[in-house]
Amino acid sequence: MKLLMIEMDRKTNQSFSFGLKQEGYLVDNTHSMKKGIWMAKTNYYDLIILLAEKEVLKLEEILKDLSLECPLSFILISTRNQTTENKIKLFELGADDIVDSNFSFKEFLLKIKILLRREKLPTFSLPVLQVDDLIINRKNFQVSRGGEKIYLRRKEFDLLCYFYQNRDQILSRPNLLENVWDSNADFFTNTLEVHILNLRKKIDSRYPKSRRLIQTIHGRGYRFGLAPSLSGEI
């Protein structure tokens, strides 16, 4: 499982990051809220941990942004002095759990384990994405192209969403395995290639080369999207 920890306090960040790594999690961390949001938007994480002690006034705006851009990631928040009304609003904006700032590491770890046992059911205000005539509905996990529904297995759907989040970028094989699978993925199997082959058959096989969305960049990896520009979010 891959986690992102965003915390303004360096000491807390390093201490908790070390503890999570000892538990076997892959952890990226930053004490910069701005950088953390950028990392969340450009990589796939199973869980985003937002320890927002110094950003309380911006928390609702940040959470709304994260829940929209990272719909398949769980979001765990720690803030101080939150009223019941404020907590309800944070849950409505996409938080999956909220803990008080005075939590212990054991409580923190338990919250993470409980969250990651669940299947993520994303909530966000704009769940529909579009590239060319491919439509991805992240709320109900439905995909269609040219008006025809496409059935995807969950891992194929996760892979497609990761491609979309990183559209127009070249993604290497290790990058895809690490971010769509997890730290235990076997880099020497053809699991990724099989999933990409199946995904191509389902979304690209009926289209000419100029309109195929999954492109192989020989020796480097894969790129998703139409050149030179892509359709945006609707």
Protein backbone atom coordinates (compact mmCIF):
# COMPACT_ATOMS: atom_id res chain seq x y z
CA MET A 1 0.00 0.00 0.00
CA LYS A 2 1.27 3.47 -0.90
CA LEU A 3 0.59 6.41 1.41
CA LEU A 4 1.14 10.16 1.17
CA MET A 5 1.61 12.15 4.37
CA ILE A 6 1.22 15.93 4.21
CA GLU A 7 2.26 17.67 7.45
CA MET A 8 3.59 21.13 8.12
CA ASP A 9 5.54 20.03 11.20
CA ARG A 10 8.79 18.27 10.19
CA LYS A 11 9.23 16.40 13.49
CA THR A 12 5.75 14.86 13.43
CA ASN A 13 6.08 14.07 9.74
CA GLN A 14 9.37 12.22 10.11
CA SER A 15 8.29 10.36 13.25
CA PHE A 16 5.01 9.08 11.84
CA SER A 17 6.50 8.35 8.42
CA PHE A 18 9.19 6.21 10.04
CA GLY A 19 6.57 4.32 12.07
CA LEU A 20 4.46 3.61 9.00
CA LYS A 21 7.47 2.40 7.02
CA GLN A 22 8.28 0.04 9.90
CA GLU A 23 4.77 -1.37 9.47
CA GLY A 24 5.51 -2.14 5.81
CA TYR A 25 3.84 0.79 4.07
CA LEU A 26 5.40 2.74 1.21
CA VAL A 27 5.31 6.35 2.37
CA ASP A 28 5.91 9.60 0.53
CA ASN A 29 5.92 12.63 2.80
CA THR A 30 6.27 16.37 2.66
CA HIS A 31 5.90 19.23 5.13
CA SER A 32 4.72 21.54 2.33
CA MET A 33 0.96 21.63 1.79
CA LYS A 34 1.40 23.01 -1.73
CA LYS A 35 3.86 20.29 -2.72
CA GLY A 36 1.74 17.61 -1.08
CA ILE A 37 -1.31 18.55 -3.12
CA TRP A 38 0.79 18.47 -6.29
CA MET A 39 2.13 14.99 -5.35
CA ALA A 40 -1.41 13.74 -4.70
CA LYS A 41 -2.57 14.95 -8.10
CA THR A 42 0.34 13.50 -10.07
CA ASN A 43 0.65 10.08 -8.39
CA TYR A 44 -1.69 7.35 -7.20
CA TYR A 45 -1.93 6.79 -3.42
CA ASP A 46 -4.10 4.32 -1.54
CA LEU A 47 -4.33 6.80 1.33
CA ILE A 48 -3.64 10.52 1.70
CA ILE A 49 -2.98 11.62 5.28
CA LEU A 50 -3.61 15.32 5.80
CA LEU A 51 -2.35 16.61 9.16
CA ALA A 52 -3.66 20.12 8.72
CA GLU A 53 -2.85 21.86 11.99
CA LYS A 54 -1.73 25.12 10.39
CA GLU A 55 -4.06 25.13 7.42
CA VAL A 56 -7.44 24.85 9.13
CA LEU A 57 -8.93 27.86 7.34
CA LYS A 58 -8.02 26.37 3.95
CA LEU A 59 -8.92 22.81 4.85
CA GLU A 60 -12.33 22.71 3.18
CA GLU A 61 -10.93 24.09 -0.08
CA ILE A 62 -7.96 21.68 0.01
CA LEU A 63 -10.17 18.68 0.77
CA LYS A 64 -12.62 19.50 -2.03
CA ASP A 65 -9.70 19.71 -4.46
CA LEU A 66 -8.14 16.43 -3.29
CA SER A 67 -11.39 14.45 -3.29
CA LEU A 68 -12.10 15.59 -6.85
CA GLU A 69 -8.61 14.95 -8.26
CA CYS A 70 -7.88 11.76 -6.26
CA PRO A 71 -11.22 9.92 -6.12
CA LEU A 72 -9.75 6.47 -5.57
CA SER A 73 -7.59 7.52 -2.61
CA PHE A 74 -8.82 7.40 0.97
CA ILE A 75 -8.34 10.67 2.85
CA LEU A 76 -7.57 10.73 6.59
CA ILE A 77 -7.54 14.13 8.29
CA SER A 78 -6.23 15.33 11.63
CA THR A 79 -7.20 18.79 12.86
CA ARG A 80 -7.67 20.47 16.20
CA ASN A 81 -10.81 21.85 17.81
CA GLN A 82 -13.24 20.75 15.11
CA THR A 83 -16.92 21.01 16.03
CA THR A 84 -19.38 18.27 15.10
CA GLU A 85 -20.84 20.56 12.44
CA ASN A 86 -17.41 21.15 10.89
CA LYS A 87 -16.60 17.43 10.91
CA ILE A 88 -19.87 16.65 9.12
CA LYS A 89 -18.95 19.19 6.46
CA LEU A 90 -15.49 17.64 6.03
CA PHE A 91 -17.04 14.21 5.57
CA GLU A 92 -19.44 15.64 2.98
CA LEU A 93 -16.47 17.15 1.11
CA GLY A 94 -14.71 13.79 0.85
CA ALA A 95 -12.91 12.97 4.10
CA ASP A 96 -13.03 9.26 4.91
CA ASP A 97 -12.04 9.65 8.57
CA ILE A 98 -11.09 12.44 10.97
CA VAL A 99 -8.97 12.21 14.13
CA ASP A 100 -8.18 14.77 16.79
CA SER A 101 -4.64 16.17 16.77
CA ASN A 102 -3.85 14.55 20.14
CA PHE A 103 -4.02 10.98 18.80
CA SER A 104 -1.41 8.34 19.58
CA PHE A 105 0.50 6.49 16.87
CA LYS A 106 -1.32 3.25 17.77
CA GLU A 107 -4.69 4.93 17.25
CA PHE A 108 -3.40 6.49 14.04
CA LEU A 109 -2.21 3.11 12.73
CA LEU A 110 -5.53 1.45 13.61
CA LYS A 111 -7.46 4.13 11.71
CA ILE A 112 -5.28 3.51 8.64
CA LYS A 113 -5.71 -0.27 8.78
CA ILE A 114 -9.49 0.04 9.10
CA LEU A 115 -9.71 2.47 6.18
CA LEU A 116 -7.59 0.34 3.88
CA ARG A 117 -9.75 -2.72 4.50
CA ARG A 118 -12.66 -0.95 2.82
CA GLU A 119 -13.43 -0.50 -0.85
CA LYS A 120 -13.13 3.14 -1.80
CA LEU A 121 -16.44 4.63 -2.87
CA PRO A 122 -15.46 8.11 -4.02
CA THR A 123 -17.60 11.18 -3.48
CA PHE A 124 -16.90 14.31 -5.47
CA SER A 125 -18.87 16.99 -7.25
CA LEU A 126 -17.65 16.24 -10.82
CA PRO A 127 -17.27 12.48 -11.19
CA VAL A 128 -17.32 12.31 -14.99
CA LEU A 129 -14.13 12.55 -17.06
CA GLN A 130 -13.80 12.60 -20.83
CA VAL A 131 -10.99 12.13 -23.34
CA ASP A 132 -12.10 12.17 -26.98
CA ASP A 133 -15.36 10.15 -26.86
CA LEU A 134 -14.24 8.00 -23.92
CA ILE A 135 -16.28 8.76 -20.80
CA ILE A 136 -15.21 7.60 -17.34
CA ASN A 137 -17.71 7.83 -14.50
CA ARG A 138 -15.70 7.41 -11.31
CA LYS A 139 -18.75 7.50 -9.08
CA ASN A 140 -20.44 4.39 -10.43
CA PHE A 141 -17.36 2.86 -12.11
CA GLN A 142 -18.94 2.91 -15.57
CA VAL A 143 -17.01 3.52 -18.80
CA SER A 144 -18.24 4.07 -22.33
CA ARG A 145 -16.77 5.05 -25.69
CA GLY A 146 -18.70 6.21 -28.71
CA GLY A 147 -21.88 5.75 -26.70
CA GLU A 148 -21.22 2.04 -26.09
CA LYS A 149 -20.78 0.77 -22.54
CA ILE A 150 -17.49 -0.96 -21.74
CA TYR A 151 -17.13 -3.48 -18.95
CA LEU A 152 -13.86 -3.15 -17.03
CA ARG A 153 -12.57 -5.22 -14.15
CA ARG A 154 -11.66 -3.17 -11.06
CA LYS A 155 -7.90 -3.25 -11.71
CA GLU A 156 -8.47 -2.25 -15.35
CA PHE A 157 -10.60 0.64 -14.12
CA ASP A 158 -7.90 1.68 -11.63
CA LEU A 159 -5.31 1.54 -14.40
CA LEU A 160 -7.47 3.65 -16.71
CA CYS A 161 -8.01 6.27 -13.99
CA TYR A 162 -4.29 6.41 -13.27
CA PHE A 163 -3.61 6.88 -16.95
CA TYR A 164 -6.13 9.73 -16.99
CA GLN A 165 -4.65 11.39 -13.90
CA ASN A 166 -1.25 11.32 -15.61
CA ARG A 167 -2.46 11.88 -19.17
CA ASP A 168 0.01 13.09 -21.78
CA GLN A 169 2.92 11.89 -19.62
CA ILE A 170 5.17 8.91 -20.30
CA LEU A 171 4.63 6.33 -17.56
CA SER A 172 7.22 3.60 -17.09
CA ARG A 173 6.40 -0.01 -16.31
CA PRO A 174 7.76 0.24 -12.71
CA ASN A 175 5.77 3.43 -12.18
CA LEU A 176 2.51 1.73 -13.21
CA LEU A 177 3.18 -1.38 -11.15
CA GLU A 178 4.08 0.63 -8.07
CA ASN A 179 1.15 3.03 -8.24
CA VAL A 180 -1.70 0.89 -9.58
CA TRP A 181 -0.69 -2.30 -7.82
CA ASP A 182 1.35 -2.07 -4.61
CA SER A 183 4.79 -2.57 -3.13
CA ASN A 184 4.39 -6.37 -3.34
CA ALA A 185 3.79 -6.41 -7.10
CA ASP A 186 6.12 -8.73 -9.00
CA PHE A 187 7.99 -6.62 -11.55
CA PHE A 188 9.01 -9.76 -13.45
CA THR A 189 5.53 -10.98 -14.38
CA ASN A 190 3.49 -9.89 -17.39
CA THR A 191 0.53 -8.79 -15.23
CA LEU A 192 0.76 -5.18 -16.38
CA GLU A 193 1.09 -6.10 -20.06
CA VAL A 194 -1.97 -8.35 -19.87
CA HIS A 195 -4.07 -5.60 -18.27
CA ILE A 196 -2.94 -3.02 -20.82
CA LEU A 197 -3.65 -5.45 -23.68
CA ASN A 198 -7.17 -6.07 -22.35
CA LEU A 199 -7.74 -2.35 -21.81
CA ARG A 200 -6.63 -1.60 -25.38
CA LYS A 201 -8.97 -4.22 -26.80
CA LYS A 202 -11.86 -2.67 -24.93
CA ILE A 203 -11.30 1.03 -25.59
CA ASP A 204 -9.06 1.29 -28.70
CA SER A 205 -9.56 -1.75 -30.96
CA ARG A 206 -12.32 -0.20 -33.11
CA TYR A 207 -10.44 3.05 -33.68
CA PRO A 208 -7.75 4.12 -36.17
CA LYS A 209 -4.24 4.71 -34.86
CA SER A 210 -4.78 8.49 -34.73
CA ARG A 211 -7.57 8.05 -32.17
CA ARG A 212 -6.12 5.34 -29.99
CA LEU A 213 -5.63 6.51 -26.43
CA ILE A 214 -3.03 4.08 -25.07
CA GLN A 215 0.27 4.52 -26.87
CA THR A 216 3.48 2.53 -26.40
CA ILE A 217 6.62 4.66 -26.20
CA HIS A 218 9.27 2.08 -27.06
CA GLY A 219 11.96 1.69 -24.42
CA ARG A 220 10.24 4.14 -22.07
CA GLY A 221 6.70 3.06 -21.24
CA TYR A 222 3.19 4.20 -22.09
CA ARG A 223 1.37 7.45 -22.79
CA PHE A 224 -2.36 8.07 -22.52
CA GLY A 225 -4.29 10.62 -24.57
CA LEU A 226 -4.64 12.13 -27.99
CA ALA A 227 -1.90 14.32 -29.46
CA PRO A 228 -1.43 17.22 -29.51
CA SER A 229 -4.18 18.13 -27.02
CA LEU A 230 -6.66 16.28 -24.88
CA SER A 231 -10.28 16.76 -24.04
CA GLY A 232 -10.83 18.05 -20.54
CA GLU A 233 -13.03 17.22 -17.62
CA ILE A 234 -16.75 17.69 -18.04
